[in-house]
């Protein structure tokens, strides 16, 4: 959340700056005035507590004097009891008003960075750069969709998954399991080589801490609740390891020598994903449960924008190593989540669908999260009225099921799947190529698309990748040796 003093002119704040940021977010700027009004109301009630306390202290002195003089103090004692009741009433009121203030304050988004484009339509996200391996054309191609490739590899079972779990349930099988685990292991090893500390997080959090790192609407639209009988022990399944990692250093005071702190978070993630998402609902692209390797960083406030640039470049380096065409876009102001001051997305190319799709989101949340979680920074001078907080940044490295979808579309051949070189050592037999073992049903997605395309002039299809020889037989033999 923002510092309440940022709203108060007398405390050096600039409410007009916050209103401008709200306008850029296409969020109600009148909420700023509501925060100020709640602050003033709370301050007045606290003043009444202080004044009542002063009166109580004065009467206590008079009572002491009466007792010393051995005089009757019953009237004064009654006044003190009455004032204590009034004081308690003011304290209760101040507590209630403080909760209302913090709740409203939590709805105000972070200050949008000056470089972010003002717009409320993500079609206008600003292109930063594109990349593709030499010789690879970025165009729509006559190939299989990612879920069809996984089907032909016999890598997952969505029908039994839906039977057991319901909507968007799935079982990964054989090469689906191994490829997913390979992405996890490669991602963690990749970040470890960049100086990140691997951290496997809890998969649920107490509401007290989830409320300090997740937006209010996430509780209704995204998060699963775990009920434990006692409401105080109710928990929420995490939607990303960013959530528990952000709370890892809650209520701690970090010094410049401690920073930066860099974590390679790994966890399963759970999202309700309410609503229909069209083609994004195919296969394992958008599911309720998935694995993710996450970058999370705490840094000196003066160095957070340098860290932001470095984090997105690390994600780019990861996808370059896998040979995936991608682009980086800057998210428009109206599409930023409350915590982010600025966000870049890395979108990778999906040749069957002929479009870029988000694989990475990289955000600088400045001190928005760390203030709510009380992660302090540096020494506080006596002349300073404000606390200082570390800056928190996060970036996806690899949501493995979604990244696997991208690899399946880009590295398929007519006979199977060419394994990207960095993943091979994590697979049984270290194969360069995995052959198809299963046929597609007649009404598969690509067959339907071909049927529609035959009604119109069909462009010449470009090959996705040349088959890579070697490794298939050896890999299959070694995998068979693993069977019990």
Protein backbone atom coordinates (compact mmCIF):
# COMPACT_ATOMS: atom_id res chain seq x y z
CA UNK A 1 0.00 0.00 0.00
CA UNK A 2 0.99 3.65 -0.28
CA UNK A 3 2.26 5.70 2.66
CA UNK A 4 -0.68 7.51 4.28
CA UNK A 5 1.52 10.61 4.58
CA UNK A 6 1.66 10.73 0.75
CA UNK A 7 -1.99 11.86 0.91
CA UNK A 8 -1.47 14.59 3.53
CA UNK A 9 -0.08 17.94 2.38
CA UNK A 10 0.96 18.91 5.94
CA UNK A 11 3.12 15.76 6.10
CA UNK A 12 4.86 16.53 2.81
CA UNK A 13 2.43 14.51 0.71
CA UNK A 14 1.05 15.26 -2.75
CA UNK A 15 -2.53 14.00 -3.14
CA UNK A 16 -2.72 15.46 -6.65
CA UNK A 17 0.09 13.14 -7.74
CA UNK A 18 -1.88 10.16 -6.43
CA UNK A 19 -5.05 11.36 -8.18
CA UNK A 20 -3.12 11.64 -11.44
CA UNK A 21 -1.86 8.07 -10.99
CA UNK A 22 -5.42 6.90 -10.33
CA UNK A 23 -6.58 8.60 -13.54
CA UNK A 24 -3.81 6.84 -15.43
CA UNK A 25 -5.01 3.54 -13.98
CA UNK A 26 -8.59 4.39 -15.01
CA UNK A 27 -9.44 4.03 -11.32
CA UNK A 28 -11.65 6.37 -9.24
CA UNK A 29 -9.64 9.41 -8.15
CA UNK A 30 -12.31 10.34 -5.59
CA UNK A 31 -10.98 7.40 -3.55
CA UNK A 32 -8.02 9.66 -2.72
CA UNK A 33 -10.34 12.21 -1.10
CA UNK A 34 -12.07 9.39 0.78
CA UNK A 35 -8.71 8.27 2.20
CA UNK A 36 -7.93 11.83 3.32
CA UNK A 37 -11.35 12.17 4.97
CA UNK A 38 -10.92 8.85 6.79
CA UNK A 39 -7.45 9.90 7.94
CA UNK A 40 -8.78 13.19 9.34
CA UNK A 41 -11.64 11.41 11.10
CA UNK A 42 -9.25 8.87 12.59
CA UNK A 43 -6.82 11.61 13.64
CA UNK A 44 -9.59 13.54 15.42
CA UNK A 45 -10.67 10.43 17.31
CA UNK A 46 -7.08 9.75 18.36
CA UNK A 47 -6.90 13.36 19.55
CA UNK A 48 -10.01 12.76 21.68
CA UNK A 49 -8.28 9.72 23.19
CA UNK A 50 -5.26 11.86 24.02
CA UNK A 51 -7.36 14.66 25.51
CA UNK A 52 -9.37 12.22 27.60
CA UNK A 53 -6.16 10.62 28.82
CA UNK A 54 -4.89 14.05 29.86
CA UNK A 55 -8.07 14.62 31.88
CA UNK A 56 -7.70 11.21 33.53
CA UNK A 57 -4.11 11.98 34.50
CA UNK A 58 -5.13 15.34 35.95
CA UNK A 59 -7.93 13.76 38.02
CA UNK A 60 -5.53 11.05 39.16
CA UNK A 61 -3.25 13.77 40.54
CA UNK A 62 -6.20 15.33 42.35
CA UNK A 63 -7.16 11.94 43.78
CA UNK A 64 -3.61 11.48 45.01
CA UNK A 65 -3.66 14.89 46.68
CA UNK A 66 -7.01 14.15 48.35
CA UNK A 67 -5.78 10.83 49.69
CA UNK A 68 -2.59 12.45 50.96
CA UNK A 69 -4.71 15.01 52.82
CA UNK A 70 -6.97 12.15 53.99
CA UNK A 71 -9.96 13.77 52.30
CA UNK A 72 -12.89 12.07 50.53
CA UNK A 73 -12.20 11.50 46.81
CA UNK A 74 -15.35 9.58 45.85
CA UNK A 75 -16.55 12.22 43.36
CA UNK A 76 -13.16 12.28 41.66
CA UNK A 77 -13.03 8.49 41.53
CA UNK A 78 -16.46 8.45 39.87
CA UNK A 79 -15.28 11.05 37.34
CA UNK A 80 -12.25 8.90 36.58
CA UNK A 81 -14.40 5.80 36.02
CA UNK A 82 -16.66 7.77 33.67
CA UNK A 83 -13.65 9.14 31.77
CA UNK A 84 -12.15 5.65 31.47
CA UNK A 85 -15.39 4.50 29.82
CA UNK A 86 -15.30 7.48 27.46
CA UNK A 87 -11.64 6.76 26.66
CA UNK A 88 -12.43 3.11 25.86
CA UNK A 89 -15.23 4.23 23.57
CA UNK A 90 -12.85 6.57 21.73
CA UNK A 91 -10.19 3.84 21.49
CA UNK A 92 -12.71 1.37 20.05
CA UNK A 93 -13.88 4.01 17.58
CA UNK A 94 -10.28 4.84 16.61
CA UNK A 95 -9.53 1.14 16.03
CA UNK A 96 -12.60 0.76 13.81
CA UNK A 97 -11.74 3.91 11.87
CA UNK A 98 -8.14 2.75 11.43
CA UNK A 99 -9.40 -0.49 9.87
CA UNK A 100 -11.66 1.46 7.50
CA UNK A 101 -8.75 3.73 6.59
CA UNK A 102 -6.39 0.84 5.85
CA UNK A 103 -9.06 -0.97 3.82
CA UNK A 104 -9.66 2.09 1.63
CA UNK A 105 -5.92 2.81 1.43
CA UNK A 106 -5.38 -0.72 0.12
CA UNK A 107 -7.62 -0.02 -2.88
CA UNK A 108 -5.35 2.77 -4.15
CA UNK A 109 -2.80 1.50 -6.66
CA UNK A 110 0.93 2.16 -6.65
CA UNK A 111 2.16 5.34 -8.32
CA UNK A 112 2.41 4.57 -12.04
CA UNK A 113 5.90 5.15 -13.41
CA UNK A 114 6.22 8.14 -15.71
CA UNK A 115 7.43 5.96 -18.61
CA UNK A 116 4.22 3.88 -18.74
CA UNK A 117 1.86 4.60 -21.67
CA UNK A 118 -1.53 6.02 -20.68
CA UNK A 119 -4.18 3.69 -22.07
CA UNK A 120 -6.81 1.24 -20.88
CA UNK A 121 -6.56 -1.18 -23.81
CA UNK A 122 -3.83 -3.83 -23.89
CA UNK A 123 -3.94 -3.77 -27.68
CA UNK A 124 -1.83 -0.64 -27.23
CA UNK A 125 0.88 -2.25 -25.11
CA UNK A 126 4.18 -0.79 -26.33
CA UNK A 127 6.51 -3.10 -28.22
CA UNK A 128 10.01 -2.96 -26.73
CA UNK A 129 11.85 -5.56 -28.81
CA UNK A 130 11.49 -8.88 -30.62
CA UNK A 131 13.79 -11.88 -30.98
CA UNK A 132 13.84 -15.08 -33.00
CA UNK A 133 16.56 -17.65 -33.70
CA UNK A 134 18.44 -17.07 -36.92
CA UNK A 135 16.58 -18.62 -39.85
CA UNK A 136 13.27 -19.02 -37.99
CA UNK A 137 10.27 -17.25 -39.51
CA UNK A 138 7.63 -15.86 -37.19
CA UNK A 139 4.41 -16.65 -39.02
CA UNK A 140 1.25 -18.72 -38.71
CA UNK A 141 1.98 -22.27 -39.85
CA UNK A 142 0.11 -25.39 -40.90
CA UNK A 143 1.08 -27.41 -37.85
CA UNK A 144 -0.54 -29.06 -34.84
CA UNK A 145 -1.71 -27.13 -31.80
CA UNK A 146 0.27 -27.70 -28.61
CA UNK A 147 -2.37 -29.95 -27.05
CA UNK A 148 -2.42 -32.12 -30.17
CA UNK A 149 1.37 -32.53 -30.04
CA UNK A 150 1.11 -33.55 -26.39
CA UNK A 151 -1.69 -35.97 -27.30
CA UNK A 152 0.43 -37.58 -30.05
CA UNK A 153 3.30 -37.95 -27.56
CA UNK A 154 0.80 -39.63 -25.20
CA UNK A 155 1.93 -36.99 -22.72
CA UNK A 156 -1.32 -36.20 -20.93
CA UNK A 157 -4.85 -37.40 -20.26
CA UNK A 158 -7.41 -34.56 -20.11
CA UNK A 159 -10.48 -36.82 -20.19
CA UNK A 160 -9.61 -38.69 -17.00
CA UNK A 161 -8.36 -35.44 -15.50
CA UNK A 162 -11.74 -33.80 -16.04
CA UNK A 163 -13.45 -36.90 -14.63
CA UNK A 164 -11.43 -36.74 -11.40
CA UNK A 165 -10.97 -32.98 -10.97
CA UNK A 166 -13.63 -31.34 -13.09
CA UNK A 167 -13.17 -28.44 -15.51
CA UNK A 168 -9.58 -28.16 -16.84
CA UNK A 169 -8.35 -31.13 -14.86
CA UNK A 170 -5.53 -33.17 -16.37
CA UNK A 171 -2.98 -35.90 -15.72
CA UNK A 172 0.51 -35.50 -17.18
CA UNK A 173 1.96 -38.79 -18.45
CA UNK A 174 5.37 -40.09 -19.43
CA UNK A 175 7.03 -37.45 -21.65
CA UNK A 176 4.59 -34.83 -20.40
CA UNK A 177 5.88 -35.46 -16.87
CA UNK A 178 9.54 -35.60 -17.87
CA UNK A 179 9.39 -32.44 -20.01
CA UNK A 180 7.58 -30.51 -17.29
CA UNK A 181 10.13 -31.61 -14.69
CA UNK A 182 12.94 -30.75 -17.09
CA UNK A 183 11.69 -27.17 -17.35
CA UNK A 184 11.49 -26.95 -13.54
CA UNK A 185 15.01 -28.29 -13.05
CA UNK A 186 16.52 -26.22 -15.85
CA UNK A 187 14.78 -23.07 -14.61
CA UNK A 188 16.03 -23.48 -11.04
CA UNK A 189 19.55 -24.31 -12.19
CA UNK A 190 19.49 -21.34 -14.58
CA UNK A 191 18.56 -18.88 -11.81
CA UNK A 192 21.02 -20.47 -9.38
CA UNK A 193 23.76 -19.65 -11.90
CA UNK A 194 22.58 -16.01 -11.81
CA UNK A 195 23.03 -15.73 -8.05
CA UNK A 196 19.45 -16.53 -7.00
CA UNK A 197 18.76 -18.72 -3.96
CA UNK A 198 16.29 -21.52 -4.79
CA UNK A 199 13.31 -21.45 -2.41
CA UNK A 200 10.50 -24.01 -2.44
CA UNK A 201 7.54 -22.28 -0.82
CA UNK A 202 4.45 -23.36 1.14
CA UNK A 203 1.45 -23.85 -1.12
CA UNK A 204 -1.02 -22.05 1.14
CA UNK A 205 -0.96 -18.95 3.34
CA UNK A 206 -2.82 -17.54 6.31
CA UNK A 207 -5.35 -14.89 5.31
CA UNK A 208 -3.49 -12.29 7.42
CA UNK A 209 -0.48 -12.47 5.12
CA UNK A 210 -2.30 -13.21 1.88
CA UNK A 211 -4.29 -10.01 2.40
CA UNK A 212 -1.04 -8.04 2.53
CA UNK A 213 0.25 -9.33 -0.80
CA UNK A 214 -2.88 -10.05 -2.91
CA UNK A 215 -5.49 -7.62 -4.20
CA UNK A 216 -8.96 -7.78 -2.70
CA UNK A 217 -10.59 -8.92 -5.96
CA UNK A 218 -8.15 -11.87 -6.16
CA UNK A 219 -9.86 -13.43 -3.14
CA UNK A 220 -13.13 -13.66 -5.07
CA UNK A 221 -11.88 -14.27 -8.61
CA UNK A 222 -8.64 -16.22 -8.30
CA UNK A 223 -7.85 -17.79 -4.93
CA UNK A 224 -9.01 -21.10 -3.49
CA UNK A 225 -9.84 -21.08 0.23
CA UNK A 226 -8.89 -23.93 2.57
CA UNK A 227 -11.24 -24.12 5.56
CA UNK A 228 -9.76 -25.52 8.77
CA UNK A 229 -12.69 -25.42 11.20
CA UNK A 230 -11.26 -22.49 13.15
CA UNK A 231 -11.64 -19.32 11.07
CA UNK A 232 -8.31 -18.03 12.40
CA UNK A 233 -6.58 -20.96 10.71
CA UNK A 234 -8.31 -20.58 7.34
CA UNK A 235 -5.80 -20.48 4.53
CA UNK A 236 -5.62 -19.65 0.82
CA UNK A 237 -3.87 -21.70 -1.85
CA UNK A 238 -1.21 -19.59 -3.51
CA UNK A 239 -1.62 -18.33 -7.07
CA UNK A 240 2.13 -17.74 -7.41
CA UNK A 241 5.20 -18.29 -5.22
CA UNK A 242 5.61 -14.50 -5.25
CA UNK A 243 2.92 -14.39 -2.55
CA UNK A 244 4.64 -16.48 0.16
CA UNK A 245 8.10 -15.20 -0.81
CA UNK A 246 6.98 -11.59 -0.42
CA UNK A 247 5.95 -12.47 3.15
CA UNK A 248 9.18 -14.41 3.85
CA UNK A 249 10.88 -11.32 5.34
CA UNK A 250 7.72 -9.73 6.78
CA UNK A 251 8.33 -7.60 9.90
CA UNK A 252 12.10 -7.62 9.35
CA UNK A 253 14.50 -4.67 9.16
CA UNK A 254 17.06 -5.05 6.36
CA UNK A 255 20.25 -3.05 6.00
CA UNK A 256 21.98 -1.99 2.74
CA UNK A 257 24.63 -4.68 3.29
CA UNK A 258 21.89 -7.34 3.19
CA UNK A 259 20.71 -6.36 -0.29
CA UNK A 260 19.93 -7.38 -2.92
CA UNK A 261 18.19 -10.58 -1.82
CA UNK A 262 17.33 -12.76 -4.83
CA UNK A 263 15.11 -15.84 -4.69
CA UNK A 264 14.33 -18.47 -7.31
CA UNK A 265 10.90 -19.46 -6.07
CA UNK A 266 9.37 -22.79 -7.00
CA UNK A 267 5.87 -24.03 -6.21
CA UNK A 268 2.71 -25.48 -7.56
CA UNK A 269 0.20 -22.68 -8.14
CA UNK A 270 -3.59 -22.70 -7.96
CA UNK A 271 -5.99 -20.36 -9.73
CA UNK A 272 -9.74 -20.53 -10.11
CA UNK A 273 -9.53 -19.02 -13.63
CA UNK A 274 -13.23 -18.17 -13.67
CA UNK A 275 -14.88 -17.58 -17.04
CA UNK A 276 -14.22 -18.75 -20.59
CA UNK A 277 -10.88 -18.15 -22.28
CA UNK A 278 -11.48 -19.58 -25.77
CA UNK A 279 -8.38 -21.09 -27.32
CA UNK A 280 -6.39 -20.42 -24.13
CA UNK A 281 -8.42 -23.20 -22.50
CA UNK A 282 -6.96 -25.80 -24.90
CA UNK A 283 -4.72 -28.41 -23.31
CA UNK A 284 -2.61 -27.30 -20.35
CA UNK A 285 -2.12 -23.65 -21.33
CA UNK A 286 -4.56 -22.17 -18.79
CA UNK A 287 -5.36 -24.57 -15.98
CA UNK A 288 -6.29 -24.51 -12.30
CA UNK A 289 -3.04 -26.12 -11.12
CA UNK A 290 0.43 -25.63 -12.58
CA UNK A 291 4.08 -25.31 -11.62
CA UNK A 292 6.14 -22.15 -11.83
CA UNK A 293 9.69 -20.94 -11.30
CA UNK A 294 9.68 -17.30 -10.20
CA UNK A 295 12.23 -14.53 -9.78
CA UNK A 296 11.75 -12.46 -6.62
CA UNK A 297 14.05 -9.69 -5.49
CA UNK A 298 14.33 -7.26 -2.56
CA UNK A 299 16.62 -4.31 -3.22
CA UNK A 300 17.79 -0.85 -2.25
CA UNK A 301 15.15 1.67 -3.42
CA UNK A 302 17.80 3.52 -5.42
CA UNK A 303 18.63 0.40 -7.43
CA UNK A 304 15.21 -1.10 -8.18
CA UNK A 305 14.86 0.17 -11.76
CA UNK A 306 18.25 -1.24 -12.68
CA UNK A 307 17.10 -4.52 -11.10
CA UNK A 308 13.85 -4.39 -13.10
CA UNK A 309 15.77 -4.18 -16.39
CA UNK A 310 18.05 -7.01 -15.30
CA UNK A 311 15.15 -9.31 -14.35
CA UNK A 312 13.41 -9.09 -17.71
CA UNK A 313 16.74 -9.65 -19.48
CA UNK A 314 17.29 -12.81 -17.41
CA UNK A 315 13.90 -14.12 -18.53
CA UNK A 316 14.78 -13.23 -22.13
CA UNK A 317 18.08 -15.07 -21.85
CA UNK A 318 16.23 -18.16 -20.60
CA UNK A 319 13.89 -18.27 -23.61
CA UNK A 320 16.71 -17.47 -26.02
CA UNK A 321 18.52 -20.53 -24.65
CA UNK A 322 15.44 -22.60 -25.50
CA UNK A 323 15.22 -21.12 -29.01
CA UNK A 324 11.72 -19.64 -28.62
CA UNK A 325 10.75 -16.56 -30.68
CA UNK A 326 9.37 -13.84 -28.43
CA UNK A 327 8.63 -10.17 -28.01
CA UNK A 328 8.72 -7.89 -24.94
CA UNK A 329 5.89 -5.40 -24.42
CA UNK A 330 5.34 -2.65 -21.85
CA UNK A 331 1.90 -2.94 -20.27
CA UNK A 332 -0.37 0.11 -20.52
CA UNK A 333 -1.30 2.01 -17.36
CA UNK A 334 -4.90 0.81 -17.18
CA UNK A 335 -3.88 -2.87 -17.17
CA UNK A 336 -1.42 -2.68 -14.28
CA UNK A 337 -2.30 -4.53 -11.09
CA UNK A 338 -2.38 -2.35 -7.98
CA UNK A 339 1.09 -3.28 -6.73
CA UNK A 340 2.97 -2.68 -10.00
CA UNK A 341 4.46 0.70 -10.86
CA UNK A 342 5.55 -0.71 -14.22
CA UNK A 343 5.27 -4.09 -15.92
CA UNK A 344 6.86 -5.78 -18.91
CA UNK A 345 5.47 -8.99 -20.42
CA UNK A 346 7.43 -11.47 -22.49
CA UNK A 347 5.13 -13.01 -25.07
CA UNK A 348 6.28 -16.08 -27.00
CA UNK A 349 5.23 -17.10 -30.51
CA UNK A 350 2.68 -19.89 -31.03
CA UNK A 351 2.82 -20.87 -34.74
CA UNK A 352 -0.45 -22.85 -34.94
CA UNK A 353 -2.48 -19.96 -33.56
CA UNK A 354 -0.30 -17.40 -35.29
CA UNK A 355 0.02 -15.11 -32.28
CA UNK A 356 2.17 -14.14 -29.34
CA UNK A 357 1.04 -15.29 -25.90
CA UNK A 358 2.21 -14.20 -22.45
CA UNK A 359 4.78 -16.42 -20.75
CA UNK A 360 6.40 -13.86 -18.42
CA UNK A 361 5.24 -10.88 -16.38
CA UNK A 362 7.95 -8.73 -14.79
CA UNK A 363 6.93 -6.02 -12.29
CA UNK A 364 8.59 -3.40 -10.11
CA UNK A 365 6.30 -2.98 -7.10
CA UNK A 366 8.64 -0.41 -5.47
CA UNK A 367 7.75 -0.21 -1.74
CA UNK A 368 4.04 -1.00 -2.19
CA UNK A 369 4.20 -4.62 -0.97
CA UNK A 370 7.03 -4.15 1.51
CA UNK A 371 5.14 -1.37 3.33
CA UNK A 372 2.11 -3.61 3.86
CA UNK A 373 4.43 -6.39 5.05
CA UNK A 374 6.66 -4.07 7.14
CA UNK A 375 9.95 -4.99 5.44
CA UNK A 376 11.99 -1.98 6.56
CA UNK A 377 15.14 -0.56 4.97
CA UNK A 378 18.15 1.16 6.51
CA UNK A 379 18.48 3.26 9.63
CA UNK A 380 15.76 5.77 10.50
CA UNK A 381 17.12 9.19 11.45
CA UNK A 382 15.53 11.12 14.31
CA UNK A 383 14.63 13.93 11.90
CA UNK A 384 12.72 11.58 9.57
CA UNK A 385 8.96 11.22 10.07
CA UNK A 386 8.60 8.46 7.47
CA UNK A 387 9.73 4.86 7.55
CA UNK A 388 11.80 3.56 4.64
CA UNK A 389 11.10 0.24 2.97
CA UNK A 390 12.95 -2.04 0.56
CA UNK A 391 11.71 -2.29 -3.01
CA UNK A 392 10.21 -5.62 -4.12
CA UNK A 393 10.28 -6.93 -7.70
CA UNK A 394 8.97 -10.12 -9.24
CA UNK A 395 9.14 -11.82 -12.62
CA UNK A 396 8.05 -15.15 -13.99
CA UNK A 397 10.90 -17.21 -15.27
CA UNK A 398 8.87 -20.21 -16.36
CA UNK A 399 5.27 -21.29 -15.78
CA UNK A 400 6.21 -24.76 -16.88
CA UNK A 401 2.94 -26.12 -18.32
CA UNK A 402 2.39 -22.96 -20.36
CA UNK A 403 6.03 -22.83 -21.50
CA UNK A 404 5.78 -26.49 -22.50
CA UNK A 405 2.80 -25.62 -24.72
CA UNK A 406 4.99 -23.09 -26.52
CA UNK A 407 7.84 -25.56 -27.00
CA UNK A 408 5.48 -28.24 -28.30
CA UNK A 409 4.17 -25.94 -31.05
CA UNK A 410 7.58 -24.57 -32.03
CA UNK A 411 9.64 -27.76 -32.01
CA UNK A 412 7.23 -30.31 -33.47
CA UNK A 413 7.98 -32.16 -36.68
CA UNK A 414 5.83 -34.51 -38.75
CA UNK A 415 7.30 -37.44 -36.82
CA UNK A 416 7.52 -36.09 -33.29
CA UNK A 417 9.15 -33.48 -31.06
CA UNK A 418 12.69 -32.10 -31.28
CA UNK A 419 13.86 -31.54 -27.69
CA UNK A 420 15.55 -28.15 -27.07
CA UNK A 421 19.18 -28.81 -26.23
CA UNK A 422 19.18 -27.36 -22.64
CA UNK A 423 16.43 -29.78 -21.56
CA UNK A 424 17.92 -33.00 -22.87
CA UNK A 425 20.16 -33.80 -19.90
CA UNK A 426 17.12 -33.74 -17.60
CA UNK A 427 15.25 -36.42 -19.63
CA UNK A 428 15.72 -40.21 -19.44
CA UNK A 429 18.22 -41.09 -22.16
CA UNK A 430 18.92 -37.43 -22.93
CA UNK A 431 17.01 -37.68 -26.26
CA UNK A 432 17.33 -35.16 -29.06
CA UNK A 433 14.01 -36.32 -30.49
CA UNK A 434 10.84 -37.94 -29.11
CA UNK A 435 8.67 -39.76 -31.68
CA UNK A 436 4.88 -39.64 -31.82
CA UNK A 437 3.23 -42.82 -30.53
CA UNK A 438 -0.47 -41.96 -30.77
CA UNK A 439 -2.83 -40.88 -33.54
CA UNK A 440 -5.10 -37.85 -33.34
CA UNK A 441 -8.88 -38.21 -33.35
CA UNK A 442 -10.53 -37.26 -36.65
CA UNK A 443 -12.19 -34.19 -35.17
CA UNK A 444 -8.98 -32.73 -33.71
CA UNK A 445 -8.38 -28.98 -33.60
CA UNK A 446 -5.96 -28.82 -36.52
CA UNK A 447 -8.21 -31.01 -38.69
CA UNK A 448 -11.13 -28.68 -38.05
CA UNK A 449 -8.92 -25.72 -38.92
CA UNK A 450 -7.85 -27.40 -42.16
CA UNK A 451 -11.46 -28.02 -43.07
CA UNK A 452 -12.22 -24.34 -42.71
CA UNK A 453 -9.07 -23.36 -44.57
CA UNK A 454 -9.95 -25.53 -47.58
CA UNK A 455 -12.85 -23.21 -48.29
CA UNK A 456 -10.42 -20.35 -48.89
CA UNK A 457 -7.09 -19.99 -50.76
CA UNK A 458 -4.46 -21.67 -48.61
CA UNK A 459 -1.01 -20.06 -48.13
CA UNK A 460 2.03 -22.25 -48.45
CA UNK A 461 2.95 -23.69 -45.05
CA UNK A 462 6.46 -23.13 -43.76
CA UNK A 463 8.26 -25.91 -41.88
CA UNK A 464 8.51 -25.51 -38.13
CA UNK A 465 11.81 -27.27 -37.63
CA UNK A 466 13.87 -29.97 -39.25
CA UNK A 467 13.82 -33.34 -37.48
CA UNK A 468 16.89 -33.89 -35.36
CA UNK A 469 18.33 -37.34 -35.81
CA UNK A 470 19.45 -39.59 -33.02
CA UNK A 471 18.40 -40.26 -29.47
CA UNK A 472 14.86 -41.59 -30.02
CA UNK A 473 15.56 -45.32 -29.87
CA UNK A 474 18.03 -44.96 -27.01
CA UNK A 475 15.61 -42.79 -25.02
CA UNK A 476 12.72 -45.21 -25.53
CA UNK A 477 14.86 -48.18 -24.50
CA UNK A 478 16.04 -46.43 -21.34
CA UNK A 479 12.52 -45.35 -20.49
CA UNK A 480 11.29 -48.92 -20.89
CA UNK A 481 14.09 -50.04 -18.54
CA UNK A 482 12.61 -47.75 -15.87
CA UNK A 483 9.22 -49.53 -15.94
CA UNK A 484 8.47 -51.81 -13.01
